[in-house]
Every structure is written in structure tokens, then in C-alpha cells.
Amino acid sequence: MNMSDTNEKPTLPDHLSGNPRSPHFVEECFNHRIGIRLNGKERTDVEEYCISEGWVKIPSPKALDRRGQPILITLKGTVEAFYI
């Protein structure tokens, strides 16, 4: 029996970002698909979330910052994170 089970998924943190430059980026979590629900509705465009503070950040469809990255819009509500 192999002790390092590859199906073992890390616990999703309270605050997670998809940006590798962020201090809230946890690479091990992104080895698996993550789902996010905001107010009971599944979102596929979430860049960052915080469960305890109740917000998600999604990229603006058109606006870019001075580095050419999409500006993030904060949406508030009940946040649930789970593995798909």
C-alpha cells in the first residue's frame, strides 16, 4: 500500500487567490479543480475569495489596470469553496 495517496486533496484555505504573485496563492490547491458558490450560485470566473469576510473577486470584462491585467470587482455574499 502506497502511503502517499495521490487522491488526497489539501484543505481549501479561508482566503485563496489564483494569482501566483499573491501571498494567498496556494499552489497545491490548484492541482485539483475548485468550485466557488456565491449566494448559492456557482461562479466560474472567480480570481480570489475569502469565506470568513464573505467576498469574491472577479475580473472586469473590459477594464484593465496599467499593467494590462483585468481590474478585479468585489462581490459580497455567502461564499462556499469546494473541490469538483
PDB file of N, CA and C in Angstrom:
ATOM      1  N   MET A   1       0.843  -1.185   0.000  1.00  0.00           N
ATOM      2  CA  MET A   1       0.000   0.000   0.000  1.00  0.00           C
ATOM      3  C   MET A   1       0.885   1.243   0.000  1.00  0.00           C
ATOM      4  N   ASN A   2       0.596   2.166  -0.894  1.00  0.00           N
ATOM      5  CA  ASN A   2       1.369   3.391  -1.019  1.00  0.00           C
ATOM      6  C   ASN A   2       0.907   4.397   0.027  1.00  0.00           C
ATOM      7  N   MET A   3       1.836   4.924   0.822  1.00  0.00           N
ATOM      8  CA  MET A   3       1.481   5.859   1.894  1.00  0.00           C
ATOM      9  C   MET A   3       1.112   7.235   1.347  1.00  0.00           C
ATOM     10  N   SER A   4       1.682   7.639   0.220  1.00  0.00           N
ATOM     11  CA  SER A   4       1.356   8.959  -0.329  1.00  0.00           C
ATOM     12  C   SER A   4       0.218   8.794  -1.340  1.00  0.00           C
ATOM     13  N   ASP A   5      -0.987   8.946  -0.865  1.00  0.00           N
ATOM     14  CA  ASP A   5      -2.182   8.794  -1.696  1.00  0.00           C
ATOM     15  C   ASP A   5      -2.336  10.028  -2.586  1.00  0.00           C
ATOM     16  N   THR A   6      -2.330   9.848  -3.899  1.00  0.00           N
ATOM     17  CA  THR A   6      -2.412  10.980  -4.816  1.00  0.00           C
ATOM     18  C   THR A   6      -3.809  11.589  -4.861  1.00  0.00           C
ATOM     19  N   ASN A   7      -4.815  10.891  -4.331  1.00  0.00           N
ATOM     20  CA  ASN A   7      -6.174  11.439  -4.310  1.00  0.00           C
ATOM     21  C   ASN A   7      -6.402  12.362  -3.125  1.00  0.00           C
ATOM     22  N   GLU A   8      -5.440  12.461  -2.212  1.00  0.00           N
ATOM     23  CA  GLU A   8      -5.558  13.319  -1.036  1.00  0.00           C
ATOM     24  C   GLU A   8      -5.535  14.779  -1.479  1.00  0.00           C
ATOM     25  N   LYS A   9      -6.581  15.512  -1.145  1.00  0.00           N
ATOM     26  CA  LYS A   9      -6.671  16.913  -1.538  1.00  0.00           C
ATOM     27  C   LYS A   9      -6.412  17.789  -0.319  1.00  0.00           C
ATOM     28  N   PRO A  10      -5.627  18.873  -0.495  1.00  0.00           N
ATOM     29  CA  PRO A  10      -5.382  19.759   0.640  1.00  0.00           C
ATOM     30  C   PRO A  10      -6.676  20.485   1.035  1.00  0.00           C
ATOM     31  N   THR A  11      -6.768  20.850   2.297  1.00  0.00           N
ATOM     32  CA  THR A  11      -7.925  21.611   2.766  1.00  0.00           C
ATOM     33  C   THR A  11      -7.917  22.979   2.102  1.00  0.00           C
ATOM     34  N   LEU A  12      -9.069  23.406   1.601  1.00  0.00           N
ATOM     35  CA  LEU A  12      -9.147  24.724   0.980  1.00  0.00           C
ATOM     36  C   LEU A  12      -9.039  25.798   2.058  1.00  0.00           C
ATOM     37  N   PRO A  13      -8.160  26.775   1.854  1.00  0.00           N
ATOM     38  CA  PRO A  13      -7.995  27.829   2.857  1.00  0.00           C
ATOM     39  C   PRO A  13      -9.177  28.797   2.869  1.00  0.00           C
ATOM     40  N   ASP A  14      -9.257  29.591   3.933  1.00  0.00           N
ATOM     41  CA  ASP A  14     -10.302  30.601   4.066  1.00  0.00           C
ATOM     42  C   ASP A  14     -10.161  31.677   2.994  1.00  0.00           C
ATOM     43  N   HIS A  15      -8.926  32.009   2.626  1.00  0.00           N
ATOM     44  CA  HIS A  15      -8.647  33.064   1.648  1.00  0.00           C
ATOM     45  C   HIS A  15      -7.696  32.475   0.610  1.00  0.00           C
ATOM     46  N   LEU A  16      -8.121  32.450  -0.646  1.00  0.00           N
ATOM     47  CA  LEU A  16      -7.310  31.857  -1.712  1.00  0.00           C
ATOM     48  C   LEU A  16      -7.343  32.746  -2.941  1.00  0.00           C
ATOM     49  N   SER A  17      -6.179  32.901  -3.575  1.00  0.00           N
ATOM     50  CA  SER A  17      -6.063  33.703  -4.791  1.00  0.00           C
ATOM     51  C   SER A  17      -5.494  32.843  -5.910  1.00  0.00           C
ATOM     52  N   GLY A  18      -5.937  33.100  -7.123  1.00  0.00           N
ATOM     53  CA  GLY A  18      -5.421  32.395  -8.289  1.00  0.00           C
ATOM     54  C   GLY A  18      -4.194  33.054  -8.884  1.00  0.00           C
ATOM     55  N   ASN A  19      -3.782  34.193  -8.342  1.00  0.00           N
ATOM     56  CA  ASN A  19      -2.631  34.928  -8.851  1.00  0.00           C
ATOM     57  C   ASN A  19      -1.363  34.432  -8.157  1.00  0.00           C
ATOM     58  N   PRO A  20      -0.407  33.868  -8.901  1.00  0.00           N
ATOM     59  CA  PRO A  20       0.819  33.347  -8.282  1.00  0.00           C
ATOM     60  C   PRO A  20       1.624  34.398  -7.518  1.00  0.00           C
ATOM     61  N   ARG A  21       1.437  35.688  -7.802  1.00  0.00           N
ATOM     62  CA  ARG A  21       2.174  36.744  -7.093  1.00  0.00           C
ATOM     63  C   ARG A  21       1.533  37.099  -5.753  1.00  0.00           C
ATOM     64  N   SER A  22       0.325  36.601  -5.508  1.00  0.00           N
ATOM     65  CA  SER A  22      -0.391  36.934  -4.274  1.00  0.00           C
ATOM     66  C   SER A  22       0.136  36.116  -3.094  1.00  0.00           C
ATOM     67  N   PRO A  23       0.144  36.712  -1.886  1.00  0.00           N
ATOM     68  CA  PRO A  23       0.523  35.928  -0.699  1.00  0.00           C
ATOM     69  C   PRO A  23      -0.527  34.867  -0.345  1.00  0.00           C
ATOM     70  N   HIS A  24      -1.709  34.944  -0.943  1.00  0.00           N
ATOM     71  CA  HIS A  24      -2.791  33.997  -0.681  1.00  0.00           C
ATOM     72  C   HIS A  24      -2.875  32.893  -1.739  1.00  0.00           C
ATOM     73  N   PHE A  25      -1.846  32.774  -2.567  1.00  0.00           N
ATOM     74  CA  PHE A  25      -1.787  31.733  -3.593  1.00  0.00           C
ATOM     75  C   PHE A  25      -1.233  30.454  -2.957  1.00  0.00           C
ATOM     76  N   VAL A  26      -1.973  29.332  -3.078  1.00  0.00           N
ATOM     77  CA  VAL A  26      -1.529  28.034  -2.550  1.00  0.00           C
ATOM     78  C   VAL A  26      -1.520  27.060  -3.729  1.00  0.00           C
ATOM     79  N   GLU A  27      -0.342  26.790  -4.264  1.00  0.00           N
ATOM     80  CA  GLU A  27      -0.215  26.004  -5.492  1.00  0.00           C
ATOM     81  C   GLU A  27      -0.838  24.616  -5.385  1.00  0.00           C
ATOM     82  N   GLU A  28      -0.701  23.956  -4.219  1.00  0.00           N
ATOM     83  CA  GLU A  28      -1.224  22.594  -4.057  1.00  0.00           C
ATOM     84  C   GLU A  28      -2.732  22.528  -4.297  1.00  0.00           C
ATOM     85  N   CYS A  29      -3.455  23.590  -3.958  1.00  0.00           N
ATOM     86  CA  CYS A  29      -4.908  23.605  -4.150  1.00  0.00           C
ATOM     87  C   CYS A  29      -5.279  23.589  -5.634  1.00  0.00           C
ATOM     88  N   PHE A  30      -4.415  24.155  -6.477  1.00  0.00           N
ATOM     89  CA  PHE A  30      -4.731  24.261  -7.895  1.00  0.00           C
ATOM     90  C   PHE A  30      -4.360  23.013  -8.682  1.00  0.00           C
ATOM     91  N   ASN A  31      -3.878  21.976  -7.996  1.00  0.00           N
ATOM     92  CA  ASN A  31      -3.666  20.689  -8.650  1.00  0.00           C
ATOM     93  C   ASN A  31      -4.997  19.968  -8.838  1.00  0.00           C
ATOM     94  N   HIS A  32      -6.067  20.510  -8.257  1.00  0.00           N
ATOM     95  CA  HIS A  32      -7.421  19.959  -8.358  1.00  0.00           C
ATOM     96  C   HIS A  32      -8.356  21.081  -8.792  1.00  0.00           C
ATOM     97  N   ARG A  33      -9.466  20.730  -9.402  1.00  0.00           N
ATOM     98  CA  ARG A  33     -10.443  21.741  -9.818  1.00  0.00           C
ATOM     99  C   ARG A  33     -11.217  22.241  -8.610  1.00  0.00           C
ATOM    100  N   ILE A  34     -11.370  23.553  -8.519  1.00  0.00           N
ATOM    101  CA  ILE A  34     -12.054  24.182  -7.388  1.00  0.00           C
ATOM    102  C   ILE A  34     -13.329  24.841  -7.886  1.00  0.00           C
ATOM    103  N   GLY A  35     -14.409  24.645  -7.149  1.00  0.00           N
ATOM    104  CA  GLY A  35     -15.675  25.302  -7.454  1.00  0.00           C
ATOM    105  C   GLY A  35     -15.973  26.351  -6.393  1.00  0.00           C
ATOM    106  N   ILE A  36     -16.622  27.430  -6.801  1.00  0.00           N
ATOM    107  CA  ILE A  36     -16.993  28.508  -5.879  1.00  0.00           C
ATOM    108  C   ILE A  36     -18.478  28.801  -6.049  1.00  0.00           C
ATOM    109  N   ARG A  37     -19.184  28.897  -4.926  1.00  0.00           N
ATOM    110  CA  ARG A  37     -20.582  29.315  -4.930  1.00  0.00           C
ATOM    111  C   ARG A  37     -20.688  30.629  -4.182  1.00  0.00           C
ATOM    112  N   LEU A  38     -21.368  31.605  -4.781  1.00  0.00           N
ATOM    113  CA  LEU A  38     -21.646  32.890  -4.138  1.00  0.00           C
ATOM    114  C   LEU A  38     -23.151  33.018  -4.034  1.00  0.00           C
ATOM    115  N   ASN A  39     -23.648  33.093  -2.806  1.00  0.00           N
ATOM    116  CA  ASN A  39     -25.093  33.167  -2.554  1.00  0.00           C
ATOM    117  C   ASN A  39     -25.849  32.017  -3.226  1.00  0.00           C
ATOM    118  N   GLY A  40     -25.259  30.820  -3.189  1.00  0.00           N
ATOM    119  CA  GLY A  40     -25.910  29.633  -3.733  1.00  0.00           C
ATOM    120  C   GLY A  40     -25.770  29.447  -5.231  1.00  0.00           C
ATOM    121  N   LYS A  41     -25.157  30.422  -5.926  1.00  0.00           N
ATOM    122  CA  LYS A  41     -24.994  30.325  -7.382  1.00  0.00           C
ATOM    123  C   LYS A  41     -23.532  30.032  -7.708  1.00  0.00           C
ATOM    124  N   GLU A  42     -23.310  29.004  -8.518  1.00  0.00           N
ATOM    125  CA  GLU A  42     -21.943  28.631  -8.870  1.00  0.00           C
ATOM    126  C   GLU A  42     -21.337  29.660  -9.813  1.00  0.00           C
ATOM    127  N   ARG A  43     -20.069  30.053  -9.515  1.00  0.00           N
ATOM    128  CA  ARG A  43     -19.356  31.025 -10.340  1.00  0.00           C
ATOM    129  C   ARG A  43     -18.134  30.344 -10.936  1.00  0.00           C
ATOM    130  N   THR A  44     -17.841  30.649 -12.199  1.00  0.00           N
ATOM    131  CA  THR A  44     -16.676  30.057 -12.851  1.00  0.00           C
ATOM    132  C   THR A  44     -15.593  31.100 -13.117  1.00  0.00           C
ATOM    133  N   ASP A  45     -15.840  32.356 -12.736  1.00  0.00           N
ATOM    134  CA  ASP A  45     -14.910  33.442 -13.068  1.00  0.00           C
ATOM    135  C   ASP A  45     -14.218  34.051 -11.849  1.00  0.00           C
ATOM    136  N   VAL A  46     -14.164  33.328 -10.746  1.00  0.00           N
ATOM    137  CA  VAL A  46     -13.594  33.865  -9.506  1.00  0.00           C
ATOM    138  C   VAL A  46     -12.069  33.810  -9.545  1.00  0.00           C
ATOM    139  N   GLU A  47     -11.420  34.939  -9.264  1.00  0.00           N
ATOM    140  CA  GLU A  47      -9.958  35.027  -9.206  1.00  0.00           C
ATOM    141  C   GLU A  47      -9.455  34.884  -7.769  1.00  0.00           C
ATOM    142  N   GLU A  48     -10.255  35.330  -6.798  1.00  0.00           N
ATOM    143  CA  GLU A  48      -9.843  35.305  -5.401  1.00  0.00           C
ATOM    144  C   GLU A  48     -11.099  35.258  -4.541  1.00  0.00           C
ATOM    145  N   TYR A  49     -10.994  34.626  -3.370  1.00  0.00           N
ATOM    146  CA  TYR A  49     -12.147  34.584  -2.474  1.00  0.00           C
ATOM    147  C   TYR A  49     -11.705  34.636  -1.020  1.00  0.00           C
ATOM    148  N   CYS A  50     -12.635  35.033  -0.143  1.00  0.00           N
ATOM    149  CA  CYS A  50     -12.425  34.964   1.297  1.00  0.00           C
ATOM    150  C   CYS A  50     -13.755  34.540   1.912  1.00  0.00           C
ATOM    151  N   ILE A  51     -13.781  33.350   2.512  1.00  0.00           N
ATOM    152  CA  ILE A  51     -15.014  32.802   3.069  1.00  0.00           C
ATOM    153  C   ILE A  51     -15.440  33.579   4.309  1.00  0.00           C
ATOM    154  N   SER A  52     -14.507  33.835   5.245  1.00  0.00           N
ATOM    155  CA  SER A  52     -14.862  34.477   6.512  1.00  0.00           C
ATOM    156  C   SER A  52     -15.344  35.918   6.326  1.00  0.00           C
ATOM    157  N   GLU A  53     -14.784  36.629   5.338  1.00  0.00           N
ATOM    158  CA  GLU A  53     -15.206  38.007   5.093  1.00  0.00           C
ATOM    159  C   GLU A  53     -16.372  38.079   4.104  1.00  0.00           C
ATOM    160  N   GLY A  54     -16.683  36.981   3.423  1.00  0.00           N
ATOM    161  CA  GLY A  54     -17.838  36.922   2.527  1.00  0.00           C
ATOM    162  C   GLY A  54     -17.703  37.724   1.246  1.00  0.00           C
ATOM    163  N   TRP A  55     -16.607  37.512   0.499  1.00  0.00           N
ATOM    164  CA  TRP A  55     -16.460  38.184  -0.795  1.00  0.00           C
ATOM    165  C   TRP A  55     -15.683  37.318  -1.786  1.00  0.00           C
ATOM    166  N   VAL A  56     -15.911  37.619  -3.056  1.00  0.00           N
ATOM    167  CA  VAL A  56     -15.131  37.040  -4.154  1.00  0.00           C
ATOM    168  C   VAL A  56     -14.701  38.189  -5.054  1.00  0.00           C
ATOM    169  N   LYS A  57     -13.628  37.977  -5.794  1.00  0.00           N
ATOM    170  CA  LYS A  57     -13.173  38.972  -6.770  1.00  0.00           C
ATOM    171  C   LYS A  57     -13.201  38.330  -8.147  1.00  0.00           C
ATOM    172  N   ILE A  58     -13.838  39.027  -9.072  1.00  0.00           N
ATOM    173  CA  ILE A  58     -13.927  38.555 -10.448  1.00  0.00           C
ATOM    174  C   ILE A  58     -13.315  39.613 -11.373  1.00  0.00           C
ATOM    175  N   PRO A  59     -12.761  39.201 -12.511  1.00  0.00           N
ATOM    176  CA  PRO A  59     -12.171  40.182 -13.423  1.00  0.00           C
ATOM    177  C   PRO A  59     -13.246  40.994 -14.139  1.00  0.00           C
ATOM    178  N   SER A  60     -12.955  42.271 -14.321  1.00  0.00           N
ATOM    179  CA  SER A  60     -13.837  43.145 -15.095  1.00  0.00           C
ATOM    180  C   SER A  60     -13.812  42.681 -16.547  1.00  0.00           C
ATOM    181  N   PRO A  61     -14.974  42.697 -17.238  1.00  0.00           N
ATOM    182  CA  PRO A  61     -14.981  42.226 -18.624  1.00  0.00           C
ATOM    183  C   PRO A  61     -14.143  43.077 -19.578  1.00  0.00           C
ATOM    184  N   LYS A  62     -13.979  44.394 -19.291  1.00  0.00           N
ATOM    185  CA  LYS A  62     -13.271  45.250 -20.231  1.00  0.00           C
ATOM    186  C   LYS A  62     -12.141  46.055 -19.607  1.00  0.00           C
ATOM    187  N   ALA A  63     -12.313  46.554 -18.384  1.00  0.00           N
ATOM    188  CA  ALA A  63     -11.336  47.469 -17.786  1.00  0.00           C
ATOM    189  C   ALA A  63     -10.040  46.750 -17.415  1.00  0.00           C
ATOM    190  N   LEU A  64      -8.914  47.393 -17.748  1.00  0.00           N
ATOM    191  CA  LEU A  64      -7.590  46.855 -17.434  1.00  0.00           C
ATOM    192  C   LEU A  64      -6.825  47.852 -16.576  1.00  0.00           C
ATOM    193  N   ASP A  65      -5.926  47.327 -15.722  1.00  0.00           N
ATOM    194  CA  ASP A  65      -5.079  48.228 -14.948  1.00  0.00           C
ATOM    195  C   ASP A  65      -3.885  48.651 -15.800  1.00  0.00           C
ATOM    196  N   ARG A  66      -2.975  49.426 -15.228  1.00  0.00           N
ATOM    197  CA  ARG A  66      -1.853  49.960 -16.021  1.00  0.00           C
ATOM    198  C   ARG A  66      -0.864  48.892 -16.475  1.00  0.00           C
ATOM    199  N   ARG A  67      -0.932  47.692 -15.874  1.00  0.00           N
ATOM    200  CA  ARG A  67      -0.064  46.587 -16.307  1.00  0.00           C
ATOM    201  C   ARG A  67      -0.754  45.691 -17.331  1.00  0.00           C
ATOM    202  N   GLY A  68      -1.986  46.027 -17.719  1.00  0.00           N
ATOM    203  CA  GLY A  68      -2.710  45.234 -18.702  1.00  0.00           C
ATOM    204  C   GLY A  68      -3.489  44.069 -18.108  1.00  0.00           C
ATOM    205  N   GLN A  69      -3.536  43.991 -16.775  1.00  0.00           N
ATOM    206  CA  GLN A  69      -4.300  42.938 -16.097  1.00  0.00           C
ATOM    207  C   GLN A  69      -5.740  43.414 -15.889  1.00  0.00           C
ATOM    208  N   PRO A  70      -6.725  42.508 -15.947  1.00  0.00           N
ATOM    209  CA  PRO A  70      -8.108  42.919 -15.701  1.00  0.00           C
ATOM    210  C   PRO A  70      -8.278  43.469 -14.284  1.00  0.00           C
ATOM    211  N   ILE A  71      -9.045  44.543 -14.159  1.00  0.00           N
ATOM    212  CA  ILE A  71      -9.364  45.088 -12.840  1.00  0.00           C
ATOM    213  C   ILE A  71     -10.338  44.130 -12.174  1.00  0.00           C
ATOM    214  N   LEU A  72     -10.114  43.857 -10.880  1.00  0.00           N
ATOM    215  CA  LEU A  72     -10.968  42.925 -10.150  1.00  0.00           C
ATOM    216  C   LEU A  72     -12.118  43.652  -9.470  1.00  0.00           C
ATOM    217  N   ILE A  73     -13.301  43.094  -9.607  1.00  0.00           N
ATOM    218  CA  ILE A  73     -14.516  43.626  -8.994  1.00  0.00           C
ATOM    219  C   ILE A  73     -14.852  42.730  -7.804  1.00  0.00           C
ATOM    220  N   THR A  74     -15.163  43.344  -6.656  1.00  0.00           N
ATOM    221  CA  THR A  74     -15.504  42.584  -5.452  1.00  0.00           C
ATOM    222  C   THR A  74     -17.011  42.411  -5.358  1.00  0.00           C
ATOM    223  N   LEU A  75     -17.458  41.159  -5.185  1.00  0.00           N
ATOM    224  CA  LEU A  75     -18.866  40.847  -4.957  1.00  0.00           C
ATOM    225  C   LEU A  75     -18.985  40.267  -3.556  1.00  0.00           C
ATOM    226  N   LYS A  76     -19.991  40.722  -2.795  1.00  0.00           N
ATOM    227  CA  LYS A  76     -20.156  40.260  -1.422  1.00  0.00           C
ATOM    228  C   LYS A  76     -21.320  39.301  -1.301  1.00  0.00           C
ATOM    229  N   GLY A  77     -21.224  38.388  -0.332  1.00  0.00           N
ATOM    230  CA  GLY A  77     -22.290  37.421  -0.093  1.00  0.00           C
ATOM    231  C   GLY A  77     -21.754  36.208   0.637  1.00  0.00           C
ATOM    232  N   THR A  78     -22.530  35.139   0.638  1.00  0.00           N
ATOM    233  CA  THR A  78     -22.126  33.885   1.266  1.00  0.00           C
ATOM    234  C   THR A  78     -21.267  33.097   0.291  1.00  0.00           C
ATOM    235  N   VAL A  79     -20.029  32.809   0.701  1.00  0.00           N
ATOM    236  CA  VAL A  79     -19.069  32.138  -0.170  1.00  0.00           C
ATOM    237  C   VAL A  79     -18.860  30.706   0.284  1.00  0.00           C
ATOM    238  N   GLU A  80     -18.922  29.775  -0.676  1.00  0.00           N
ATOM    239  CA  GLU A  80     -18.624  28.356  -0.419  1.00  0.00           C
ATOM    240  C   GLU A  80     -17.572  27.924  -1.430  1.00  0.00           C
ATOM    241  N   ALA A  81     -16.519  27.265  -0.950  1.00  0.00           N
ATOM    242  CA  ALA A  81     -15.470  26.739  -1.835  1.00  0.00           C
ATOM    243  C   ALA A  81     -15.466  25.218  -1.690  1.00  0.00           C
ATOM    244  N   PHE A  82     -15.290  24.520  -2.817  1.00  0.00           N
ATOM    245  CA  PHE A  82     -15.315  23.049  -2.787  1.00  0.00           C
ATOM    246  C   PHE A  82     -14.516  22.521  -3.971  1.00  0.00           C
ATOM    247  N   TYR A  83     -14.099  21.258  -3.847  1.00  0.00           N
ATOM    248  CA  TYR A  83     -13.428  20.594  -4.969  1.00  0.00           C
ATOM    249  C   TYR A  83     -14.473  19.951  -5.854  1.00  0.00           C
ATOM    250  N   ILE A  84     -14.247  20.018  -7.166  1.00  0.00           N
ATOM    251  CA  ILE A  84     -15.185  19.431  -8.145  1.00  0.00           C
ATOM    252  C   ILE A  84     -14.779  18.003  -8.395  1.00  0.00           C
TER     253      ILE A  84
END
